[in-house]
């Protein structure tokens, strides 16, 4: 059955049901954070091709 998010929240509040938080994915040992040392391009390109 489909219900709105507000109705679902109300139902959970009424019955005392808590939604469990999703599990965080496990980090791979070979995951590395890198930094490109490039300036951020802050120009808006909305509507441009490409």
C-alpha atoms as a PDB file:
ATOM      1  CA  UNK A   1       0.000   0.000   0.000  1.00  0.00           C
ATOM      2  CA  UNK A   2       1.321   3.498  -0.855  1.00  0.00           C
ATOM      3  CA  UNK A   3       1.194   6.206   1.795  1.00  0.00           C
ATOM      4  CA  UNK A   4       2.715   9.647   2.045  1.00  0.00           C
ATOM      5  CA  UNK A   5       5.890  10.129   4.090  1.00  0.00           C
ATOM      6  CA  UNK A   6       3.941  12.235   6.613  1.00  0.00           C
ATOM      7  CA  UNK A   7       1.291   9.517   7.072  1.00  0.00           C
ATOM      8  CA  UNK A   8       3.997   6.866   7.459  1.00  0.00           C
ATOM      9  CA  UNK A   9       5.790   8.971  10.090  1.00  0.00           C
ATOM     10  CA  UNK A  10       2.513   9.463  11.952  1.00  0.00           C
ATOM     11  CA  UNK A  11       1.805   5.712  11.893  1.00  0.00           C
ATOM     12  CA  UNK A  12       5.302   4.937  13.176  1.00  0.00           C
ATOM     13  CA  UNK A  13       4.830   7.493  15.951  1.00  0.00           C
ATOM     14  CA  UNK A  14       1.459   6.007  16.924  1.00  0.00           C
ATOM     15  CA  UNK A  15       2.715   2.429  17.128  1.00  0.00           C
ATOM     16  CA  UNK A  16       6.144   3.324  18.536  1.00  0.00           C
ATOM     17  CA  UNK A  17       8.055   1.789  15.647  1.00  0.00           C
ATOM     18  CA  UNK A  18      11.540   3.123  14.967  1.00  0.00           C
ATOM     19  CA  UNK A  19      13.116   2.946  11.524  1.00  0.00           C
ATOM     20  CA  UNK A  20      16.628   1.520  11.791  1.00  0.00           C
ATOM     21  CA  UNK A  21      19.426   3.568  10.288  1.00  0.00           C
ATOM     22  CA  UNK A  22      20.976   2.108   7.133  1.00  0.00           C
ATOM     23  CA  UNK A  23      24.308   0.359   7.557  1.00  0.00           C
ATOM     24  CA  UNK A  24      27.340   2.232   6.278  1.00  0.00           C
ATOM     25  CA  UNK A  25      29.198   0.378   3.524  1.00  0.00           C
ATOM     26  CA  UNK A  26      32.454  -1.203   4.598  1.00  0.00           C
ATOM     27  CA  UNK A  27      35.545   0.681   3.484  1.00  0.00           C
ATOM     28  CA  UNK A  28      37.880  -1.131   1.141  1.00  0.00           C
ATOM     29  CA  UNK A  29      41.517  -1.218   2.183  1.00  0.00           C
ATOM     30  CA  UNK A  30      42.597   0.144  -1.211  1.00  0.00           C
ATOM     31  CA  UNK A  31      40.277   3.203  -1.030  1.00  0.00           C
ATOM     32  CA  UNK A  32      42.416   6.332  -1.023  1.00  0.00           C
ATOM     33  CA  UNK A  33      41.342   9.960  -0.749  1.00  0.00           C
ATOM     34  CA  UNK A  34      43.215  12.139  -3.220  1.00  0.00           C
ATOM     35  CA  UNK A  35      43.465  15.872  -3.804  1.00  0.00           C
ATOM     36  CA  UNK A  36      43.722  17.250  -7.358  1.00  0.00           C
ATOM     37  CA  UNK A  37      45.037  20.701  -6.316  1.00  0.00           C
ATOM     38  CA  UNK A  38      42.789  22.451  -8.850  1.00  0.00           C
ATOM     39  CA  UNK A  39      40.769  25.611  -8.277  1.00  0.00           C
ATOM     40  CA  UNK A  40      37.004  25.087  -8.103  1.00  0.00           C
ATOM     41  CA  UNK A  41      35.169  26.390 -11.169  1.00  0.00           C
ATOM     42  CA  UNK A  42      32.248  28.323  -9.680  1.00  0.00           C
ATOM     43  CA  UNK A  43      30.738  29.592 -12.951  1.00  0.00           C
ATOM     44  CA  UNK A  44      27.142  28.580 -13.610  1.00  0.00           C
ATOM     45  CA  UNK A  45      26.812  26.571 -16.805  1.00  0.00           C
ATOM     46  CA  UNK A  46      23.063  25.958 -16.699  1.00  0.00           C
ATOM     47  CA  UNK A  47      21.627  25.785 -20.198  1.00  0.00           C
ATOM     48  CA  UNK A  48      25.001  25.440 -21.923  1.00  0.00           C
ATOM     49  CA  UNK A  49      25.697  22.490 -24.183  1.00  0.00           C
ATOM     50  CA  UNK A  50      28.322  19.989 -23.168  1.00  0.00           C
END
